Amino acid sequence: MSETCVFCRIAAGELPATVVHDDARSIAFLDHRPLFHGHTLLVPKIHVAVLSELPADRVADFFTLAQRLERAVEDGLAADGSMILINNVISQSVPHLHLHVIPRRRKDGLRFWLGPRHPYDAEHRAEDYATRIRASLADQG
């Protein structure tokens, strides 16, 4: 736990939050600045900044709970669907891993990443990028 991390302090009960789930490993609570009502954050109780830092023995539980929250947000709020989102560093307002479950409705107006697309071309070949990613995966073992 980080003494200065807002999410660690929520998990420890030191800061208030509207909690929807709490267990030994994770806590889920409503975002205090929701995109839509019911926007929920899932946070591991150990302090890790990004997904790749979450210990392997915690990944399955974390994502199983994310699946349950997706279903609960959609069913409980009669939403048409949801958006599941994790930011790593960029756009991460709190430097602690958190997964967003955002209820969606058709024509709700949310369009924040349909912005500039960058197609592959002769200068930026898809295979070149795939090769670099494959090499990095191989380096990880």
N, C-alpha and C. Protein backbone atom coordinates (compact mmCIF):
# COMPACT_ATOMS: atom_id res chain seq x y z
N MET A 1 0.84 -1.20 0.00
CA MET A 1 0.00 0.00 0.00
C MET A 1 0.87 1.24 0.00
N SER A 2 0.48 2.20 -0.77
CA SER A 2 1.16 3.48 -0.79
C SER A 2 0.37 4.45 0.08
N GLU A 3 1.03 5.11 1.00
CA GLU A 3 0.35 6.03 1.92
C GLU A 3 -0.18 7.27 1.21
N THR A 4 0.37 7.59 0.03
CA THR A 4 -0.07 8.80 -0.68
C THR A 4 -1.06 8.48 -1.82
N CYS A 5 -1.24 7.22 -2.15
CA CYS A 5 -2.11 6.84 -3.27
C CYS A 5 -3.58 6.90 -2.85
N VAL A 6 -4.36 7.65 -3.60
CA VAL A 6 -5.79 7.80 -3.31
C VAL A 6 -6.50 6.45 -3.29
N PHE A 7 -6.20 5.58 -4.28
CA PHE A 7 -6.89 4.29 -4.34
C PHE A 7 -6.46 3.36 -3.21
N CYS A 8 -5.21 3.41 -2.82
CA CYS A 8 -4.76 2.62 -1.67
C CYS A 8 -5.48 3.09 -0.40
N ARG A 9 -5.66 4.39 -0.28
CA ARG A 9 -6.34 4.93 0.90
C ARG A 9 -7.83 4.58 0.89
N ILE A 10 -8.46 4.54 -0.29
CA ILE A 10 -9.85 4.08 -0.37
C ILE A 10 -9.92 2.61 0.03
N ALA A 11 -9.01 1.79 -0.51
CA ALA A 11 -9.00 0.36 -0.19
C ALA A 11 -8.80 0.11 1.30
N ALA A 12 -8.04 0.97 1.95
CA ALA A 12 -7.78 0.84 3.39
C ALA A 12 -8.90 1.43 4.24
N GLY A 13 -9.88 2.05 3.62
CA GLY A 13 -10.99 2.65 4.36
C GLY A 13 -10.68 4.03 4.91
N GLU A 14 -9.57 4.62 4.47
CA GLU A 14 -9.17 5.93 4.97
C GLU A 14 -9.86 7.08 4.24
N LEU A 15 -10.30 6.83 3.01
CA LEU A 15 -11.03 7.83 2.23
C LEU A 15 -12.37 7.24 1.83
N PRO A 16 -13.40 8.10 1.75
CA PRO A 16 -14.73 7.58 1.42
C PRO A 16 -14.87 7.24 -0.06
N ALA A 17 -15.71 6.27 -0.32
CA ALA A 17 -16.06 5.89 -1.69
C ALA A 17 -17.39 5.16 -1.62
N THR A 18 -18.13 5.16 -2.71
CA THR A 18 -19.37 4.40 -2.79
C THR A 18 -19.01 3.02 -3.33
N VAL A 19 -18.83 2.08 -2.42
CA VAL A 19 -18.31 0.75 -2.73
C VAL A 19 -19.43 -0.16 -3.23
N VAL A 20 -19.13 -0.88 -4.32
CA VAL A 20 -20.08 -1.87 -4.83
C VAL A 20 -19.58 -3.30 -4.61
N HIS A 21 -18.28 -3.47 -4.35
CA HIS A 21 -17.72 -4.78 -4.04
C HIS A 21 -16.43 -4.59 -3.26
N ASP A 22 -16.20 -5.47 -2.29
CA ASP A 22 -14.99 -5.41 -1.49
C ASP A 22 -14.64 -6.82 -1.06
N ASP A 23 -13.43 -7.27 -1.40
CA ASP A 23 -12.96 -8.57 -0.92
C ASP A 23 -11.49 -8.43 -0.52
N ALA A 24 -10.82 -9.52 -0.24
CA ALA A 24 -9.45 -9.47 0.26
C ALA A 24 -8.47 -8.90 -0.75
N ARG A 25 -8.75 -9.06 -2.04
CA ARG A 25 -7.78 -8.67 -3.07
C ARG A 25 -8.15 -7.43 -3.86
N SER A 26 -9.43 -7.10 -3.94
CA SER A 26 -9.88 -5.99 -4.80
C SER A 26 -11.00 -5.21 -4.16
N ILE A 27 -11.18 -4.01 -4.66
CA ILE A 27 -12.31 -3.19 -4.26
C ILE A 27 -12.86 -2.53 -5.53
N ALA A 28 -14.18 -2.42 -5.60
CA ALA A 28 -14.82 -1.75 -6.73
C ALA A 28 -15.73 -0.67 -6.17
N PHE A 29 -15.67 0.49 -6.77
CA PHE A 29 -16.45 1.62 -6.28
C PHE A 29 -16.83 2.52 -7.44
N LEU A 30 -17.84 3.36 -7.22
CA LEU A 30 -18.28 4.28 -8.25
C LEU A 30 -17.25 5.38 -8.45
N ASP A 31 -16.97 5.71 -9.69
CA ASP A 31 -16.07 6.80 -10.03
C ASP A 31 -16.68 8.10 -9.52
N HIS A 32 -15.88 8.93 -8.88
CA HIS A 32 -16.42 10.18 -8.33
C HIS A 32 -16.68 11.23 -9.41
N ARG A 33 -16.15 11.02 -10.63
CA ARG A 33 -16.44 11.89 -11.77
C ARG A 33 -16.85 11.01 -12.95
N PRO A 34 -18.03 10.40 -12.85
CA PRO A 34 -18.41 9.38 -13.84
C PRO A 34 -18.71 9.96 -15.22
N LEU A 35 -18.39 9.16 -16.23
CA LEU A 35 -18.83 9.51 -17.58
C LEU A 35 -20.35 9.35 -17.66
N PHE A 36 -20.86 8.29 -17.05
CA PHE A 36 -22.29 8.04 -16.93
C PHE A 36 -22.55 7.47 -15.54
N HIS A 37 -23.75 7.67 -15.01
CA HIS A 37 -24.09 7.13 -13.70
C HIS A 37 -23.88 5.62 -13.69
N GLY A 38 -23.21 5.12 -12.67
CA GLY A 38 -22.89 3.71 -12.57
C GLY A 38 -21.48 3.37 -13.02
N HIS A 39 -20.74 4.35 -13.53
CA HIS A 39 -19.34 4.18 -13.94
C HIS A 39 -18.56 3.67 -12.73
N THR A 40 -18.04 2.46 -12.84
CA THR A 40 -17.42 1.76 -11.71
C THR A 40 -15.93 1.54 -11.97
N LEU A 41 -15.13 1.65 -10.91
CA LEU A 41 -13.70 1.37 -10.98
C LEU A 41 -13.39 0.10 -10.19
N LEU A 42 -12.61 -0.78 -10.77
CA LEU A 42 -12.12 -1.98 -10.09
C LEU A 42 -10.63 -1.77 -9.84
N VAL A 43 -10.22 -1.93 -8.58
CA VAL A 43 -8.86 -1.62 -8.16
C VAL A 43 -8.30 -2.78 -7.34
N PRO A 44 -7.09 -3.26 -7.66
CA PRO A 44 -6.47 -4.25 -6.78
C PRO A 44 -6.03 -3.56 -5.48
N LYS A 45 -6.08 -4.30 -4.39
CA LYS A 45 -5.72 -3.69 -3.11
C LYS A 45 -4.21 -3.55 -2.92
N ILE A 46 -3.43 -4.25 -3.71
CA ILE A 46 -1.98 -4.02 -3.66
C ILE A 46 -1.66 -2.86 -4.60
N HIS A 47 -0.64 -2.11 -4.27
CA HIS A 47 -0.31 -0.94 -5.09
C HIS A 47 0.54 -1.37 -6.28
N VAL A 48 -0.06 -1.33 -7.45
CA VAL A 48 0.65 -1.50 -8.71
C VAL A 48 0.16 -0.38 -9.63
N ALA A 49 1.06 0.15 -10.42
CA ALA A 49 0.68 1.29 -11.26
C ALA A 49 0.01 0.87 -12.56
N VAL A 50 0.48 -0.22 -13.15
CA VAL A 50 -0.02 -0.63 -14.47
C VAL A 50 -0.30 -2.13 -14.49
N LEU A 51 -1.05 -2.56 -15.47
CA LEU A 51 -1.48 -3.95 -15.57
C LEU A 51 -0.32 -4.93 -15.54
N SER A 52 0.77 -4.63 -16.22
CA SER A 52 1.90 -5.56 -16.27
C SER A 52 2.56 -5.78 -14.91
N GLU A 53 2.29 -4.92 -13.93
CA GLU A 53 2.83 -5.09 -12.58
C GLU A 53 1.95 -5.96 -11.70
N LEU A 54 0.72 -6.26 -12.12
CA LEU A 54 -0.16 -7.10 -11.31
C LEU A 54 0.41 -8.51 -11.29
N PRO A 55 0.69 -9.07 -10.10
CA PRO A 55 1.26 -10.42 -10.03
C PRO A 55 0.38 -11.44 -10.76
N ALA A 56 1.03 -12.37 -11.43
CA ALA A 56 0.33 -13.37 -12.24
C ALA A 56 -0.73 -14.13 -11.44
N ASP A 57 -0.46 -14.38 -10.16
CA ASP A 57 -1.43 -15.13 -9.36
C ASP A 57 -2.67 -14.32 -9.00
N ARG A 58 -2.70 -13.06 -9.37
CA ARG A 58 -3.87 -12.22 -9.11
C ARG A 58 -4.65 -11.85 -10.38
N VAL A 59 -4.09 -12.13 -11.52
CA VAL A 59 -4.70 -11.71 -12.79
C VAL A 59 -6.06 -12.38 -12.99
N ALA A 60 -6.14 -13.69 -12.81
CA ALA A 60 -7.40 -14.40 -13.06
C ALA A 60 -8.52 -13.87 -12.17
N ASP A 61 -8.25 -13.70 -10.88
CA ASP A 61 -9.28 -13.18 -9.97
C ASP A 61 -9.72 -11.77 -10.37
N PHE A 62 -8.75 -10.95 -10.74
CA PHE A 62 -9.04 -9.56 -11.12
C PHE A 62 -9.98 -9.53 -12.33
N PHE A 63 -9.65 -10.30 -13.36
CA PHE A 63 -10.47 -10.26 -14.57
C PHE A 63 -11.78 -11.03 -14.43
N THR A 64 -11.82 -12.04 -13.57
CA THR A 64 -13.09 -12.71 -13.30
C THR A 64 -14.04 -11.74 -12.62
N LEU A 65 -13.53 -10.96 -11.69
CA LEU A 65 -14.36 -9.95 -11.04
C LEU A 65 -14.76 -8.85 -12.04
N ALA A 66 -13.86 -8.50 -12.95
CA ALA A 66 -14.20 -7.51 -13.99
C ALA A 66 -15.37 -8.03 -14.83
N GLN A 67 -15.37 -9.32 -15.17
CA GLN A 67 -16.48 -9.91 -15.92
C GLN A 67 -17.78 -9.81 -15.13
N ARG A 68 -17.72 -10.12 -13.85
CA ARG A 68 -18.92 -10.04 -13.01
C ARG A 68 -19.43 -8.61 -12.92
N LEU A 69 -18.52 -7.65 -12.78
CA LEU A 69 -18.92 -6.24 -12.71
C LEU A 69 -19.53 -5.77 -14.02
N GLU A 70 -18.96 -6.21 -15.14
CA GLU A 70 -19.53 -5.86 -16.44
C GLU A 70 -20.99 -6.30 -16.49
N ARG A 71 -21.25 -7.53 -16.14
CA ARG A 71 -22.61 -8.08 -16.16
C ARG A 71 -23.50 -7.32 -15.19
N ALA A 72 -22.99 -7.03 -13.99
CA ALA A 72 -23.79 -6.35 -12.96
C ALA A 72 -24.13 -4.93 -13.36
N VAL A 73 -23.17 -4.21 -13.94
CA VAL A 73 -23.42 -2.84 -14.38
C VAL A 73 -24.46 -2.83 -15.51
N GLU A 74 -24.28 -3.72 -16.47
CA GLU A 74 -25.23 -3.76 -17.60
C GLU A 74 -26.62 -4.20 -17.14
N ASP A 75 -26.69 -5.31 -16.39
CA ASP A 75 -28.00 -5.83 -15.96
C ASP A 75 -28.64 -4.94 -14.91
N GLY A 76 -27.86 -4.52 -13.93
CA GLY A 76 -28.40 -3.73 -12.83
C GLY A 76 -28.88 -2.35 -13.25
N LEU A 77 -28.29 -1.82 -14.31
CA LEU A 77 -28.65 -0.48 -14.77
C LEU A 77 -29.42 -0.50 -16.09
N ALA A 78 -29.78 -1.68 -16.56
CA ALA A 78 -30.49 -1.85 -17.83
C ALA A 78 -29.77 -1.11 -18.96
N ALA A 79 -28.45 -1.22 -18.96
CA ALA A 79 -27.64 -0.58 -20.00
C ALA A 79 -27.63 -1.46 -21.25
N ASP A 80 -27.45 -0.84 -22.40
CA ASP A 80 -27.37 -1.58 -23.65
C ASP A 80 -26.06 -2.36 -23.77
N GLY A 81 -25.04 -1.89 -23.09
CA GLY A 81 -23.72 -2.51 -23.12
C GLY A 81 -22.81 -1.78 -22.17
N SER A 82 -21.52 -1.98 -22.34
CA SER A 82 -20.56 -1.28 -21.47
C SER A 82 -19.24 -1.11 -22.21
N MET A 83 -18.41 -0.26 -21.67
CA MET A 83 -17.05 -0.10 -22.16
C MET A 83 -16.13 -0.47 -21.00
N ILE A 84 -15.19 -1.35 -21.29
CA ILE A 84 -14.19 -1.77 -20.30
C ILE A 84 -12.89 -1.11 -20.72
N LEU A 85 -12.25 -0.43 -19.80
CA LEU A 85 -11.11 0.40 -20.17
C LEU A 85 -10.06 0.37 -19.06
N ILE A 86 -8.81 0.21 -19.46
CA ILE A 86 -7.67 0.35 -18.56
C ILE A 86 -6.69 1.31 -19.23
N ASN A 87 -6.32 2.36 -18.53
CA ASN A 87 -5.28 3.26 -19.01
C ASN A 87 -3.97 2.87 -18.31
N ASN A 88 -2.88 2.78 -19.06
CA ASN A 88 -1.56 2.56 -18.47
C ASN A 88 -0.75 3.83 -18.68
N VAL A 89 -0.54 4.57 -17.64
CA VAL A 89 0.26 5.80 -17.57
C VAL A 89 -0.47 6.97 -18.26
N ILE A 90 -0.59 6.94 -19.59
CA ILE A 90 -1.25 8.03 -20.31
C ILE A 90 -2.73 8.01 -19.98
N SER A 91 -3.27 9.14 -19.61
CA SER A 91 -4.69 9.30 -19.21
C SER A 91 -5.02 8.62 -17.90
N GLN A 92 -4.03 8.19 -17.16
CA GLN A 92 -4.28 7.55 -15.86
C GLN A 92 -4.24 8.64 -14.79
N SER A 93 -5.41 9.03 -14.30
CA SER A 93 -5.48 10.15 -13.35
C SER A 93 -4.93 9.78 -11.98
N VAL A 94 -4.99 8.52 -11.61
CA VAL A 94 -4.39 8.03 -10.37
C VAL A 94 -3.40 6.94 -10.77
N PRO A 95 -2.12 7.05 -10.37
CA PRO A 95 -1.12 6.08 -10.80
C PRO A 95 -1.22 4.75 -10.03
N HIS A 96 -2.37 4.13 -10.14
CA HIS A 96 -2.67 2.83 -9.53
C HIS A 96 -3.57 2.11 -10.53
N LEU A 97 -3.27 0.87 -10.83
CA LEU A 97 -4.07 0.11 -11.79
C LEU A 97 -5.55 0.21 -11.44
N HIS A 98 -6.36 0.57 -12.41
CA HIS A 98 -7.80 0.57 -12.22
C HIS A 98 -8.49 0.29 -13.55
N LEU A 99 -9.51 -0.52 -13.48
CA LEU A 99 -10.29 -0.91 -14.65
C LEU A 99 -11.63 -0.22 -14.56
N HIS A 100 -12.01 0.47 -15.63
CA HIS A 100 -13.29 1.16 -15.69
C HIS A 100 -14.34 0.24 -16.29
N VAL A 101 -15.51 0.19 -15.69
CA VAL A 101 -16.68 -0.44 -16.28
C VAL A 101 -17.69 0.69 -16.45
N ILE A 102 -17.92 1.07 -17.68
CA ILE A 102 -18.73 2.25 -17.98
C ILE A 102 -20.00 1.80 -18.69
N PRO A 103 -21.16 2.04 -18.08
CA PRO A 103 -22.40 1.66 -18.76
C PRO A 103 -22.59 2.48 -20.02
N ARG A 104 -23.08 1.82 -21.08
CA ARG A 104 -23.31 2.51 -22.35
C ARG A 104 -24.74 2.30 -22.80
N ARG A 105 -25.25 3.31 -23.47
CA ARG A 105 -26.56 3.25 -24.10
C ARG A 105 -26.40 3.70 -25.55
N ARG A 106 -27.18 3.14 -26.41
CA ARG A 106 -27.12 3.56 -27.80
C ARG A 106 -27.33 5.08 -27.89
N LYS A 107 -26.54 5.72 -28.73
CA LYS A 107 -26.63 7.16 -28.95
C LYS A 107 -26.41 7.98 -27.68
N ASP A 108 -25.52 7.49 -26.78
CA ASP A 108 -25.24 8.23 -25.54
C ASP A 108 -24.27 9.38 -25.74
N GLY A 109 -23.72 9.53 -26.95
CA GLY A 109 -22.86 10.67 -27.25
C GLY A 109 -21.39 10.48 -26.96
N LEU A 110 -21.00 9.35 -26.36
CA LEU A 110 -19.59 9.14 -26.02
C LEU A 110 -18.82 8.75 -27.27
N ARG A 111 -17.84 9.60 -27.63
CA ARG A 111 -17.05 9.37 -28.84
C ARG A 111 -15.58 9.76 -28.62
N PHE A 112 -15.07 9.62 -27.45
CA PHE A 112 -13.77 10.22 -27.16
C PHE A 112 -12.56 9.60 -27.81
N TRP A 113 -12.60 8.45 -28.44
CA TRP A 113 -11.38 8.00 -29.08
C TRP A 113 -11.57 7.62 -30.54
N LEU A 114 -12.57 8.14 -31.15
CA LEU A 114 -12.74 7.91 -32.57
C LEU A 114 -11.92 8.90 -33.38
N GLY A 115 -11.08 9.64 -32.67
CA GLY A 115 -10.25 10.67 -33.27
C GLY A 115 -9.27 10.13 -34.28
N PRO A 116 -8.18 10.78 -34.50
CA PRO A 116 -7.33 10.47 -35.65
C PRO A 116 -6.89 9.01 -35.68
N ARG A 117 -7.12 8.38 -36.81
CA ARG A 117 -6.65 7.01 -37.04
C ARG A 117 -5.35 7.11 -37.82
N HIS A 118 -4.51 6.13 -37.66
CA HIS A 118 -3.21 6.14 -38.33
C HIS A 118 -3.04 4.82 -39.07
N PRO A 119 -3.53 4.76 -40.31
CA PRO A 119 -3.44 3.51 -41.06
C PRO A 119 -1.98 3.16 -41.39
N TYR A 120 -1.74 1.86 -41.55
CA TYR A 120 -0.42 1.42 -42.00
C TYR A 120 -0.25 1.80 -43.46
N ASP A 121 1.00 2.10 -43.83
CA ASP A 121 1.30 2.48 -45.21
C ASP A 121 2.72 2.04 -45.53
N ALA A 122 3.26 2.49 -46.65
CA ALA A 122 4.60 2.07 -47.07
C ALA A 122 5.68 2.48 -46.06
N GLU A 123 5.49 3.63 -45.44
CA GLU A 123 6.46 4.11 -44.44
C GLU A 123 6.27 3.44 -43.09
N HIS A 124 5.05 3.08 -42.76
CA HIS A 124 4.69 2.46 -41.49
C HIS A 124 3.99 1.14 -41.79
N ARG A 125 4.80 0.12 -42.07
CA ARG A 125 4.25 -1.18 -42.46
C ARG A 125 3.78 -1.96 -41.24
N ALA A 126 2.62 -2.57 -41.34
CA ALA A 126 2.06 -3.35 -40.25
C ALA A 126 3.04 -4.44 -39.81
N GLU A 127 3.64 -5.12 -40.76
CA GLU A 127 4.55 -6.23 -40.41
C GLU A 127 5.75 -5.74 -39.61
N ASP A 128 6.25 -4.53 -39.86
CA ASP A 128 7.36 -3.99 -39.08
C ASP A 128 6.97 -3.82 -37.61
N TYR A 129 5.77 -3.32 -37.38
CA TYR A 129 5.30 -3.14 -36.00
C TYR A 129 5.06 -4.50 -35.35
N ALA A 130 4.49 -5.44 -36.08
CA ALA A 130 4.26 -6.78 -35.55
C ALA A 130 5.58 -7.45 -35.17
N THR A 131 6.60 -7.28 -36.00
CA THR A 131 7.92 -7.86 -35.73
C THR A 131 8.49 -7.32 -34.43
N ARG A 132 8.39 -6.02 -34.23
CA ARG A 132 8.92 -5.40 -32.99
C ARG A 132 8.17 -5.91 -31.76
N ILE A 133 6.85 -6.06 -31.88
CA ILE A 133 6.05 -6.56 -30.75
C ILE A 133 6.40 -8.02 -30.48
N ARG A 134 6.52 -8.83 -31.52
CA ARG A 134 6.90 -10.24 -31.34
C ARG A 134 8.24 -10.36 -30.64
N ALA A 135 9.21 -9.54 -31.05
CA ALA A 135 10.54 -9.58 -30.43
C ALA A 135 10.48 -9.23 -28.96
N SER A 136 9.66 -8.24 -28.62
CA SER A 136 9.51 -7.85 -27.22
C SER A 136 8.85 -8.96 -26.41
N LEU A 137 7.84 -9.62 -27.00
CA LEU A 137 7.23 -10.77 -26.33
C LEU A 137 8.24 -11.87 -26.08
N ALA A 138 9.08 -12.15 -27.07
CA ALA A 138 10.11 -13.20 -26.93
C ALA A 138 11.09 -12.83 -25.83
N ASP A 139 11.45 -11.55 -25.72
CA ASP A 139 12.37 -11.10 -24.67
C ASP A 139 11.80 -11.32 -23.27
N GLN A 140 10.48 -11.29 -23.17
CA GLN A 140 9.83 -11.48 -21.86
C GLN A 140 9.84 -12.95 -21.43
N GLY A 141 10.14 -13.84 -22.36
CA GLY A 141 10.26 -15.26 -22.03
C GLY A 141 9.01 -15.97 -22.20
